[in-house]
């Protein structure tokens, strides 16, 4: 894990999680699927600024505790500030997940959009299992980037014709072949959970679809539009020098020069279109986050 990289990702993480889920669906999982009826101790692998804690603690039985682990001081400091006067029992630990030594102290181990960034998914998932008591719950919320990158729609712009979907796939496959992250980890986690010995393994899907509606509530539209454009850097146009740097970075990730230019051109077209049509363009994203879980 790269500490300096994640120290600079706070704004991105907050933007990308705006409208990430429907709270009523998470409440349904807690109460009807996982049937959590008494206080639990949670450990969050790769907690960032504590998003999962913000999501779960108001829903869980009173007296539940939340412990977050992350490599970034910046993210952990923000998490501590967020929870400082919350009234919840929280603890934050700085650690590289690859080096973290788990202890069997928790009822639930959870991760959200973390395993997609770590090459050794199975090792981290095994540590999550080691962190929970017998009968404890392990939960992973992860995307399948094959689905995520396909599930976008812009009214007035044919996203599929930009030629970047298959280029995403090429880069992710190249990274995996070179021992890097698995871009399809989300869809593979239930299988890995079963192989590692978890029981009652199952998988659900986050029901949230991001619908940026220019003709709906103006305040909500501004919030959602600003978040999605900031998260994907659609809110700015690259200079020519920045484009050259971006192209070179894409070549390093496995694209040819021509492919890299197509990719950058496609991203630039998205940026130009959405920013020029803020008051009229509909944007829909279907990230299809897979929520996999099993008991120890």
C-alpha atoms as a PDB file:
ATOM      1  CA  UNK A   1       0.000   0.000   0.000  1.00  0.00           C
ATOM      2  CA  UNK A   2       1.275   3.475  -0.862  1.00  0.00           C
ATOM      3  CA  UNK A   3       0.837   5.891   2.051  1.00  0.00           C
ATOM      4  CA  UNK A   4       1.717   9.056   0.120  1.00  0.00           C
ATOM      5  CA  UNK A   5      -0.781   8.166  -2.619  1.00  0.00           C
ATOM      6  CA  UNK A   6      -3.684   7.733  -0.183  1.00  0.00           C
ATOM      7  CA  UNK A   7      -2.705  10.838   1.790  1.00  0.00           C
ATOM      8  CA  UNK A   8      -3.686  12.810  -1.303  1.00  0.00           C
ATOM      9  CA  UNK A   9      -6.970  11.020  -1.992  1.00  0.00           C
ATOM     10  CA  UNK A  10      -9.263  12.403   0.708  1.00  0.00           C
ATOM     11  CA  UNK A  11     -11.260  14.675  -1.612  1.00  0.00           C
ATOM     12  CA  UNK A  12     -11.647  11.873  -4.165  1.00  0.00           C
ATOM     13  CA  UNK A  13     -12.835   9.383  -1.544  1.00  0.00           C
ATOM     14  CA  UNK A  14     -15.448  11.784  -0.215  1.00  0.00           C
ATOM     15  CA  UNK A  15     -16.661  12.662  -3.705  1.00  0.00           C
ATOM     16  CA  UNK A  16     -16.911   9.076  -4.922  1.00  0.00           C
ATOM     17  CA  UNK A  17     -18.956   8.070  -1.868  1.00  0.00           C
ATOM     18  CA  UNK A  18     -21.554  10.789  -2.333  1.00  0.00           C
ATOM     19  CA  UNK A  19     -24.744   8.892  -3.096  1.00  0.00           C
ATOM     20  CA  UNK A  20     -22.849   5.590  -2.871  1.00  0.00           C
ATOM     21  CA  UNK A  21     -25.732   3.641  -1.352  1.00  0.00           C
ATOM     22  CA  UNK A  22     -29.312   3.816  -0.181  1.00  0.00           C
ATOM     23  CA  UNK A  23     -29.298   3.829   3.616  1.00  0.00           C
ATOM     24  CA  UNK A  24     -32.549   1.892   3.759  1.00  0.00           C
ATOM     25  CA  UNK A  25     -30.937  -0.997   1.882  1.00  0.00           C
ATOM     26  CA  UNK A  26     -28.014  -1.127   4.320  1.00  0.00           C
ATOM     27  CA  UNK A  27     -30.546  -1.081   7.148  1.00  0.00           C
ATOM     28  CA  UNK A  28     -32.327  -3.995   5.464  1.00  0.00           C
ATOM     29  CA  UNK A  29     -29.065  -5.966   5.316  1.00  0.00           C
ATOM     30  CA  UNK A  30     -28.271  -5.295   8.970  1.00  0.00           C
ATOM     31  CA  UNK A  31     -31.722  -6.152  10.293  1.00  0.00           C
ATOM     32  CA  UNK A  32     -33.176  -8.705   7.870  1.00  0.00           C
ATOM     33  CA  UNK A  33     -30.224 -10.440   6.206  1.00  0.00           C
ATOM     34  CA  UNK A  34     -27.444 -10.394   8.815  1.00  0.00           C
ATOM     35  CA  UNK A  35     -29.977 -10.223  11.667  1.00  0.00           C
ATOM     36  CA  UNK A  36     -27.800  -8.124  13.969  1.00  0.00           C
ATOM     37  CA  UNK A  37     -29.870  -7.547  17.097  1.00  0.00           C
ATOM     38  CA  UNK A  38     -27.254  -6.886  19.786  1.00  0.00           C
ATOM     39  CA  UNK A  39     -24.198  -4.595  20.030  1.00  0.00           C
ATOM     40  CA  UNK A  40     -21.245  -5.688  17.894  1.00  0.00           C
ATOM     41  CA  UNK A  41     -17.585  -4.771  17.585  1.00  0.00           C
ATOM     42  CA  UNK A  42     -16.612  -3.937  14.009  1.00  0.00           C
ATOM     43  CA  UNK A  43     -13.197  -3.707  12.389  1.00  0.00           C
ATOM     44  CA  UNK A  44     -12.959  -1.895   9.050  1.00  0.00           C
ATOM     45  CA  UNK A  45     -10.017  -2.864   6.825  1.00  0.00           C
ATOM     46  CA  UNK A  46      -8.897   0.203   4.867  1.00  0.00           C
ATOM     47  CA  UNK A  47     -11.293   2.541   6.660  1.00  0.00           C
ATOM     48  CA  UNK A  48     -10.238   5.781   4.958  1.00  0.00           C
ATOM     49  CA  UNK A  49     -12.125   8.657   6.585  1.00  0.00           C
ATOM     50  CA  UNK A  50     -14.499   6.233   8.331  1.00  0.00           C
ATOM     51  CA  UNK A  51     -17.267   6.069   5.735  1.00  0.00           C
ATOM     52  CA  UNK A  52     -18.395   2.576   6.749  1.00  0.00           C
ATOM     53  CA  UNK A  53     -18.596   3.670  10.375  1.00  0.00           C
ATOM     54  CA  UNK A  54     -20.753   6.640   9.394  1.00  0.00           C
ATOM     55  CA  UNK A  55     -22.947   4.255   7.445  1.00  0.00           C
ATOM     56  CA  UNK A  56     -23.350   1.489  10.012  1.00  0.00           C
ATOM     57  CA  UNK A  57     -23.135   2.955  13.515  1.00  0.00           C
ATOM     58  CA  UNK A  58     -26.475   4.828  13.340  1.00  0.00           C
ATOM     59  CA  UNK A  59     -28.148   1.580  12.223  1.00  0.00           C
ATOM     60  CA  UNK A  60     -26.472  -0.935  14.536  1.00  0.00           C
ATOM     61  CA  UNK A  61     -27.695  -1.623  18.085  1.00  0.00           C
ATOM     62  CA  UNK A  62     -26.620   0.962  20.645  1.00  0.00           C
ATOM     63  CA  UNK A  63     -23.266   0.131  22.222  1.00  0.00           C
ATOM     64  CA  UNK A  64     -21.658  -1.159  19.025  1.00  0.00           C
ATOM     65  CA  UNK A  65     -18.027  -0.149  18.479  1.00  0.00           C
ATOM     66  CA  UNK A  66     -16.054   0.705  15.361  1.00  0.00           C
ATOM     67  CA  UNK A  67     -12.312   0.228  14.787  1.00  0.00           C
ATOM     68  CA  UNK A  68     -10.751   1.434  11.552  1.00  0.00           C
ATOM     69  CA  UNK A  69      -7.377   0.518  10.054  1.00  0.00           C
ATOM     70  CA  UNK A  70      -5.697   2.562   7.344  1.00  0.00           C
ATOM     71  CA  UNK A  71      -2.217   3.404   6.106  1.00  0.00           C
ATOM     72  CA  UNK A  72      -2.887   7.124   5.626  1.00  0.00           C
ATOM     73  CA  UNK A  73      -2.379   9.634   8.441  1.00  0.00           C
ATOM     74  CA  UNK A  74      -4.398  12.193   6.488  1.00  0.00           C
ATOM     75  CA  UNK A  75      -7.425   9.922   6.192  1.00  0.00           C
ATOM     76  CA  UNK A  76      -7.180   8.744   9.796  1.00  0.00           C
ATOM     77  CA  UNK A  77      -6.903  12.309  11.119  1.00  0.00           C
ATOM     78  CA  UNK A  78     -10.048  13.228   9.204  1.00  0.00           C
ATOM     79  CA  UNK A  79     -11.837  10.158  10.564  1.00  0.00           C
ATOM     80  CA  UNK A  80     -10.877  11.086  14.124  1.00  0.00           C
ATOM     81  CA  UNK A  81     -12.218  14.609  13.606  1.00  0.00           C
ATOM     82  CA  UNK A  82     -15.472  13.300  12.138  1.00  0.00           C
ATOM     83  CA  UNK A  83     -16.153  10.976  15.064  1.00  0.00           C
ATOM     84  CA  UNK A  84     -14.699  13.188  17.816  1.00  0.00           C
ATOM     85  CA  UNK A  85     -18.067  14.397  19.131  1.00  0.00           C
ATOM     86  CA  UNK A  86     -20.272  11.681  17.679  1.00  0.00           C
ATOM     87  CA  UNK A  87     -20.919   9.812  20.894  1.00  0.00           C
ATOM     88  CA  UNK A  88     -19.867   6.547  19.250  1.00  0.00           C
ATOM     89  CA  UNK A  89     -17.080   4.316  20.552  1.00  0.00           C
ATOM     90  CA  UNK A  90     -14.366   4.382  17.896  1.00  0.00           C
ATOM     91  CA  UNK A  91     -10.682   3.610  17.530  1.00  0.00           C
ATOM     92  CA  UNK A  92      -8.325   4.193  14.614  1.00  0.00           C
ATOM     93  CA  UNK A  93      -5.124   2.286  13.898  1.00  0.00           C
ATOM     94  CA  UNK A  94      -2.425   3.219  11.421  1.00  0.00           C
ATOM     95  CA  UNK A  95      -1.154   0.103   9.650  1.00  0.00           C
ATOM     96  CA  UNK A  96      -0.350  -1.340   6.251  1.00  0.00           C
ATOM     97  CA  UNK A  97      -2.903  -4.118   5.760  1.00  0.00           C
ATOM     98  CA  UNK A  98      -0.186  -6.316   4.281  1.00  0.00           C
ATOM     99  CA  UNK A  99       1.713  -6.113   7.582  1.00  0.00           C
ATOM    100  CA  UNK A 100      -1.198  -5.914  10.012  1.00  0.00           C
ATOM    101  CA  UNK A 101      -1.369  -8.814  12.482  1.00  0.00           C
ATOM    102  CA  UNK A 102      -5.017  -9.583  13.253  1.00  0.00           C
ATOM    103  CA  UNK A 103      -6.406 -10.565  16.633  1.00  0.00           C
ATOM    104  CA  UNK A 104      -9.659 -12.446  17.135  1.00  0.00           C
ATOM    105  CA  UNK A 105     -11.462  -9.588  18.867  1.00  0.00           C
ATOM    106  CA  UNK A 106     -14.334  -8.585  16.604  1.00  0.00           C
ATOM    107  CA  UNK A 107     -17.835  -9.669  15.651  1.00  0.00           C
ATOM    108  CA  UNK A 108     -17.680  -8.181  12.167  1.00  0.00           C
ATOM    109  CA  UNK A 109     -14.777  -7.526   9.784  1.00  0.00           C
ATOM    110  CA  UNK A 110     -15.668  -5.369   6.819  1.00  0.00           C
ATOM    111  CA  UNK A 111     -14.001  -3.710   3.833  1.00  0.00           C
ATOM    112  CA  UNK A 112     -15.410  -1.328   1.273  1.00  0.00           C
ATOM    113  CA  UNK A 113     -13.699  -0.636  -2.082  1.00  0.00           C
ATOM    114  CA  UNK A 114     -10.350  -1.751  -0.652  1.00  0.00           C
ATOM    115  CA  UNK A 115      -9.515  -5.176  -2.055  1.00  0.00           C
ATOM    116  CA  UNK A 116      -9.666  -3.792  -5.601  1.00  0.00           C
ATOM    117  CA  UNK A 117      -6.546  -1.785  -4.730  1.00  0.00           C
ATOM    118  CA  UNK A 118      -4.494  -4.632  -3.234  1.00  0.00           C
ATOM    119  CA  UNK A 119      -2.838  -7.387  -5.306  1.00  0.00           C
ATOM    120  CA  UNK A 120      -2.942 -10.090  -2.618  1.00  0.00           C
ATOM    121  CA  UNK A 121      -6.692 -10.137  -2.082  1.00  0.00           C
ATOM    122  CA  UNK A 122      -6.766 -13.616  -0.595  1.00  0.00           C
ATOM    123  CA  UNK A 123      -4.198 -12.786   2.104  1.00  0.00           C
ATOM    124  CA  UNK A 124      -6.094  -9.687   3.221  1.00  0.00           C
ATOM    125  CA  UNK A 125      -9.399 -11.530   3.248  1.00  0.00           C
ATOM    126  CA  UNK A 126      -7.788 -14.254   5.353  1.00  0.00           C
ATOM    127  CA  UNK A 127      -6.702 -11.576   7.854  1.00  0.00           C
ATOM    128  CA  UNK A 128     -10.264 -10.327   7.992  1.00  0.00           C
ATOM    129  CA  UNK A 129     -11.407 -13.849   8.844  1.00  0.00           C
ATOM    130  CA  UNK A 130      -8.741 -14.137  11.535  1.00  0.00           C
ATOM    131  CA  UNK A 131     -10.021 -10.892  13.074  1.00  0.00           C
ATOM    132  CA  UNK A 132     -13.489 -12.199  13.927  1.00  0.00           C
ATOM    133  CA  UNK A 133     -14.650 -14.570  16.639  1.00  0.00           C
ATOM    134  CA  UNK A 134     -16.259 -17.919  15.855  1.00  0.00           C
ATOM    135  CA  UNK A 135     -19.619 -17.166  14.285  1.00  0.00           C
ATOM    136  CA  UNK A 136     -18.410 -13.695  13.316  1.00  0.00           C
ATOM    137  CA  UNK A 137     -19.379 -12.029  10.065  1.00  0.00           C
ATOM    138  CA  UNK A 138     -17.010 -11.041   7.235  1.00  0.00           C
ATOM    139  CA  UNK A 139     -18.321  -8.525   4.677  1.00  0.00           C
ATOM    140  CA  UNK A 140     -16.688  -7.177   1.506  1.00  0.00           C
ATOM    141  CA  UNK A 141     -18.249  -4.417  -0.589  1.00  0.00           C
ATOM    142  CA  UNK A 142     -16.435  -4.322  -3.917  1.00  0.00           C
ATOM    143  CA  UNK A 143     -17.059  -3.411  -7.539  1.00  0.00           C
ATOM    144  CA  UNK A 144     -16.400  -5.448 -10.631  1.00  0.00           C
ATOM    145  CA  UNK A 145     -14.759  -2.828 -12.835  1.00  0.00           C
ATOM    146  CA  UNK A 146     -15.836  -4.691 -15.974  1.00  0.00           C
ATOM    147  CA  UNK A 147     -19.421  -3.875 -15.004  1.00  0.00           C
ATOM    148  CA  UNK A 148     -18.690  -0.483 -13.465  1.00  0.00           C
ATOM    149  CA  UNK A 149     -16.987   1.001 -16.509  1.00  0.00           C
ATOM    150  CA  UNK A 150     -19.744  -0.225 -18.824  1.00  0.00           C
ATOM    151  CA  UNK A 151     -22.621   1.057 -16.711  1.00  0.00           C
ATOM    152  CA  UNK A 152     -22.498   4.746 -17.579  1.00  0.00           C
ATOM    153  CA  UNK A 153     -24.907   6.856 -19.595  1.00  0.00           C
ATOM    154  CA  UNK A 154     -24.821  10.501 -20.636  1.00  0.00           C
ATOM    155  CA  UNK A 155     -27.834  11.984 -22.412  1.00  0.00           C
ATOM    156  CA  UNK A 156     -26.607  13.610 -25.603  1.00  0.00           C
ATOM    157  CA  UNK A 157     -23.262  11.773 -25.633  1.00  0.00           C
ATOM    158  CA  UNK A 158     -22.763   8.196 -26.825  1.00  0.00           C
ATOM    159  CA  UNK A 159     -20.352   6.896 -24.200  1.00  0.00           C
ATOM    160  CA  UNK A 160     -19.993   3.498 -25.875  1.00  0.00           C
ATOM    161  CA  UNK A 161     -18.709   5.131 -29.066  1.00  0.00           C
ATOM    162  CA  UNK A 162     -15.820   6.911 -27.341  1.00  0.00           C
ATOM    163  CA  UNK A 163     -13.752   3.727 -27.517  1.00  0.00           C
ATOM    164  CA  UNK A 164     -12.532   3.733 -23.934  1.00  0.00           C
ATOM    165  CA  UNK A 165     -14.425   0.813 -22.362  1.00  0.00           C
ATOM    166  CA  UNK A 166     -12.237  -1.882 -23.931  1.00  0.00           C
ATOM    167  CA  UNK A 167      -9.132   0.203 -23.183  1.00  0.00           C
ATOM    168  CA  UNK A 168     -10.008   0.161 -19.486  1.00  0.00           C
ATOM    169  CA  UNK A 169     -10.223  -3.619 -19.788  1.00  0.00           C
ATOM    170  CA  UNK A 170      -6.862  -3.866 -21.533  1.00  0.00           C
ATOM    171  CA  UNK A 171      -5.096  -1.846 -18.824  1.00  0.00           C
ATOM    172  CA  UNK A 172      -6.669  -3.771 -15.966  1.00  0.00           C
ATOM    173  CA  UNK A 173      -5.840  -7.132 -17.547  1.00  0.00           C
ATOM    174  CA  UNK A 174      -2.250  -6.032 -18.135  1.00  0.00           C
ATOM    175  CA  UNK A 175      -1.923  -4.971 -14.511  1.00  0.00           C
ATOM    176  CA  UNK A 176      -3.270  -8.313 -13.298  1.00  0.00           C
ATOM    177  CA  UNK A 177      -0.903 -10.237 -15.580  1.00  0.00           C
ATOM    178  CA  UNK A 178       1.997  -8.282 -14.087  1.00  0.00           C
ATOM    179  CA  UNK A 179       1.037  -9.277 -10.555  1.00  0.00           C
ATOM    180  CA  UNK A 180      -1.008  -6.198  -9.789  1.00  0.00           C
ATOM    181  CA  UNK A 181      -4.564  -5.587  -8.667  1.00  0.00           C
ATOM    182  CA  UNK A 182      -7.454  -7.730  -9.844  1.00  0.00           C
ATOM    183  CA  UNK A 183      -9.948  -5.463 -11.573  1.00  0.00           C
ATOM    184  CA  UNK A 184     -12.655  -8.149 -11.293  1.00  0.00           C
ATOM    185  CA  UNK A 185     -12.092  -8.905  -7.627  1.00  0.00           C
ATOM    186  CA  UNK A 186     -15.644  -7.957  -6.676  1.00  0.00           C
ATOM    187  CA  UNK A 187     -17.227 -10.824  -8.561  1.00  0.00           C
ATOM    188  CA  UNK A 188     -14.619 -13.317  -7.320  1.00  0.00           C
ATOM    189  CA  UNK A 189     -14.858 -12.659  -3.581  1.00  0.00           C
ATOM    190  CA  UNK A 190     -17.694 -15.129  -2.828  1.00  0.00           C
ATOM    191  CA  UNK A 191     -15.585 -17.925  -4.323  1.00  0.00           C
ATOM    192  CA  UNK A 192     -12.533 -16.867  -2.294  1.00  0.00           C
ATOM    193  CA  UNK A 193     -14.618 -16.689   0.876  1.00  0.00           C
ATOM    194  CA  UNK A 194     -15.811 -20.235   0.317  1.00  0.00           C
ATOM    195  CA  UNK A 195     -12.264 -21.461  -0.353  1.00  0.00           C
ATOM    196  CA  UNK A 196     -11.073 -19.849   2.890  1.00  0.00           C
ATOM    197  CA  UNK A 197     -13.645 -21.759   4.895  1.00  0.00           C
ATOM    198  CA  UNK A 198     -16.388 -19.243   5.586  1.00  0.00           C
ATOM    199  CA  UNK A 199     -19.904 -20.600   6.021  1.00  0.00           C
ATOM    200  CA  UNK A 200     -23.236 -19.437   4.615  1.00  0.00           C
ATOM    201  CA  UNK A 201     -21.454 -17.427   1.923  1.00  0.00           C
ATOM    202  CA  UNK A 202     -23.786 -15.262  -0.113  1.00  0.00           C
ATOM    203  CA  UNK A 203     -23.685 -12.118  -2.202  1.00  0.00           C
ATOM    204  CA  UNK A 204     -26.050  -9.217  -2.737  1.00  0.00           C
ATOM    205  CA  UNK A 205     -25.835  -6.075  -4.840  1.00  0.00           C
ATOM    206  CA  UNK A 206     -25.951  -2.477  -3.703  1.00  0.00           C
ATOM    207  CA  UNK A 207     -29.231  -1.213  -5.141  1.00  0.00           C
ATOM    208  CA  UNK A 208     -28.058   2.364  -5.582  1.00  0.00           C
ATOM    209  CA  UNK A 209     -28.043   3.887  -9.076  1.00  0.00           C
ATOM    210  CA  UNK A 210     -26.557   7.355  -9.377  1.00  0.00           C
ATOM    211  CA  UNK A 211     -29.045   9.499 -11.279  1.00  0.00           C
ATOM    212  CA  UNK A 212     -27.878  13.050 -11.875  1.00  0.00           C
ATOM    213  CA  UNK A 213     -31.146  14.750 -12.763  1.00  0.00           C
ATOM    214  CA  UNK A 214     -30.904  18.381 -13.929  1.00  0.00           C
ATOM    215  CA  UNK A 215     -34.671  18.797 -13.599  1.00  0.00           C
ATOM    216  CA  UNK A 216     -35.023  17.446 -10.071  1.00  0.00           C
ATOM    217  CA  UNK A 217     -34.233  19.126  -6.766  1.00  0.00           C
ATOM    218  CA  UNK A 218     -31.728  21.879  -7.566  1.00  0.00           C
ATOM    219  CA  UNK A 219     -29.728  21.583  -4.362  1.00  0.00           C
ATOM    220  CA  UNK A 220     -29.468  17.806  -4.641  1.00  0.00           C
ATOM    221  CA  UNK A 221     -28.517  18.056  -8.319  1.00  0.00           C
ATOM    222  CA  UNK A 222     -25.720  20.512  -7.563  1.00  0.00           C
ATOM    223  CA  UNK A 223     -24.378  18.251  -4.806  1.00  0.00           C
ATOM    224  CA  UNK A 224     -24.478  15.098  -6.927  1.00  0.00           C
ATOM    225  CA  UNK A 225     -23.155  16.813 -10.061  1.00  0.00           C
ATOM    226  CA  UNK A 226     -20.239  18.426  -8.241  1.00  0.00           C
ATOM    227  CA  UNK A 227     -19.370  15.125  -6.547  1.00  0.00           C
ATOM    228  CA  UNK A 228     -19.405  12.964  -9.666  1.00  0.00           C
ATOM    229  CA  UNK A 229     -17.498  15.446 -11.817  1.00  0.00           C
ATOM    230  CA  UNK A 230     -14.887  15.969  -9.097  1.00  0.00           C
ATOM    231  CA  UNK A 231     -14.484  12.224  -8.511  1.00  0.00           C
ATOM    232  CA  UNK A 232     -13.714  11.503 -12.164  1.00  0.00           C
ATOM    233  CA  UNK A 233     -11.940  14.801 -12.950  1.00  0.00           C
ATOM    234  CA  UNK A 234     -14.635  15.817 -15.418  1.00  0.00           C
ATOM    235  CA  UNK A 235     -14.716  19.267 -13.827  1.00  0.00           C
ATOM    236  CA  UNK A 236     -11.548  20.419 -15.543  1.00  0.00           C
ATOM    237  CA  UNK A 237      -9.962  20.356 -18.976  1.00  0.00           C
ATOM    238  CA  UNK A 238      -6.390  19.127 -19.261  1.00  0.00           C
ATOM    239  CA  UNK A 239      -3.722  21.399 -20.707  1.00  0.00           C
ATOM    240  CA  UNK A 240      -1.691  20.081 -23.628  1.00  0.00           C
ATOM    241  CA  UNK A 241       1.228  19.333 -21.299  1.00  0.00           C
ATOM    242  CA  UNK A 242      -1.098  17.479 -18.931  1.00  0.00           C
ATOM    243  CA  UNK A 243      -2.461  15.455 -21.845  1.00  0.00           C
ATOM    244  CA  UNK A 244       1.059  14.428 -22.836  1.00  0.00           C
ATOM    245  CA  UNK A 245       1.780  13.318 -19.283  1.00  0.00           C
ATOM    246  CA  UNK A 246      -1.507  11.418 -19.129  1.00  0.00           C
ATOM    247  CA  UNK A 247      -0.797   9.683 -22.455  1.00  0.00           C
ATOM    248  CA  UNK A 248       2.645   8.600 -21.263  1.00  0.00           C
ATOM    249  CA  UNK A 249       1.148   7.242 -18.041  1.00  0.00           C
ATOM    250  CA  UNK A 250      -1.389   5.222 -20.033  1.00  0.00           C
ATOM    251  CA  UNK A 251       1.365   3.838 -22.262  1.00  0.00           C
ATOM    252  CA  UNK A 252       3.171   2.708 -19.115  1.00  0.00           C
ATOM    253  CA  UNK A 253      -0.028   0.869 -18.157  1.00  0.00           C
ATOM    254  CA  UNK A 254      -0.076  -1.122 -21.386  1.00  0.00           C
ATOM    255  CA  UNK A 255      -1.787   0.986 -24.050  1.00  0.00           C
ATOM    256  CA  UNK A 256      -0.238   1.831 -27.391  1.00  0.00           C
ATOM    257  CA  UNK A 257       0.337   5.507 -28.127  1.00  0.00           C
ATOM    258  CA  UNK A 258      -2.681   5.562 -30.445  1.00  0.00           C
ATOM    259  CA  UNK A 259      -4.877   3.865 -27.845  1.00  0.00           C
ATOM    260  CA  UNK A 260      -3.700   6.269 -25.167  1.00  0.00           C
ATOM    261  CA  UNK A 261      -4.624   9.241 -27.361  1.00  0.00           C
ATOM    262  CA  UNK A 262      -8.085   7.747 -27.981  1.00  0.00           C
ATOM    263  CA  UNK A 263      -8.539   7.266 -24.241  1.00  0.00           C
ATOM    264  CA  UNK A 264      -7.508  10.826 -23.353  1.00  0.00           C
ATOM    265  CA  UNK A 265      -9.649  12.220 -26.166  1.00  0.00           C
ATOM    266  CA  UNK A 266     -12.640  10.253 -24.885  1.00  0.00           C
ATOM    267  CA  UNK A 267     -12.186  11.496 -21.337  1.00  0.00           C
ATOM    268  CA  UNK A 268     -11.825  15.056 -22.629  1.00  0.00           C
ATOM    269  CA  UNK A 269     -15.084  14.737 -24.580  1.00  0.00           C
ATOM    270  CA  UNK A 270     -16.907  13.579 -21.457  1.00  0.00           C
ATOM    271  CA  UNK A 271     -15.493  16.475 -19.460  1.00  0.00           C
ATOM    272  CA  UNK A 272     -16.331  19.057 -22.097  1.00  0.00           C
ATOM    273  CA  UNK A 273     -19.845  17.708 -22.572  1.00  0.00           C
ATOM    274  CA  UNK A 274     -20.927  17.441 -18.935  1.00  0.00           C
ATOM    275  CA  UNK A 275     -19.478  20.810 -17.936  1.00  0.00           C
ATOM    276  CA  UNK A 276     -21.041  22.545 -20.949  1.00  0.00           C
ATOM    277  CA  UNK A 277     -24.426  20.934 -20.319  1.00  0.00           C
ATOM    278  CA  UNK A 278     -24.651  20.987 -16.531  1.00  0.00           C
ATOM    279  CA  UNK A 279     -28.223  22.292 -16.571  1.00  0.00           C
ATOM    280  CA  UNK A 280     -29.564  19.819 -19.129  1.00  0.00           C
ATOM    281  CA  UNK A 281     -27.492  16.616 -19.227  1.00  0.00           C
ATOM    282  CA  UNK A 282     -28.691  13.490 -17.456  1.00  0.00           C
ATOM    283  CA  UNK A 283     -25.935  11.268 -16.058  1.00  0.00           C
ATOM    284  CA  UNK A 284     -26.615   7.730 -14.881  1.00  0.00           C
ATOM    285  CA  UNK A 285     -24.089   5.384 -13.286  1.00  0.00           C
ATOM    286  CA  UNK A 286     -24.825   1.789 -12.295  1.00  0.00           C
ATOM    287  CA  UNK A 287     -21.749   0.754 -10.279  1.00  0.00           C
ATOM    288  CA  UNK A 288     -23.360  -2.563  -9.238  1.00  0.00           C
ATOM    289  CA  UNK A 289     -21.348  -2.917  -6.024  1.00  0.00           C
ATOM    290  CA  UNK A 290     -21.283  -6.543  -4.906  1.00  0.00           C
ATOM    291  CA  UNK A 291     -21.763  -7.107  -1.172  1.00  0.00           C
ATOM    292  CA  UNK A 292     -20.309 -10.518  -0.316  1.00  0.00           C
ATOM    293  CA  UNK A 293     -20.477 -12.021   3.148  1.00  0.00           C
ATOM    294  CA  UNK A 294     -19.996 -15.195   5.153  1.00  0.00           C
ATOM    295  CA  UNK A 295     -19.648 -16.402   8.741  1.00  0.00           C
ATOM    296  CA  UNK A 296     -16.629 -17.927  10.467  1.00  0.00           C
END
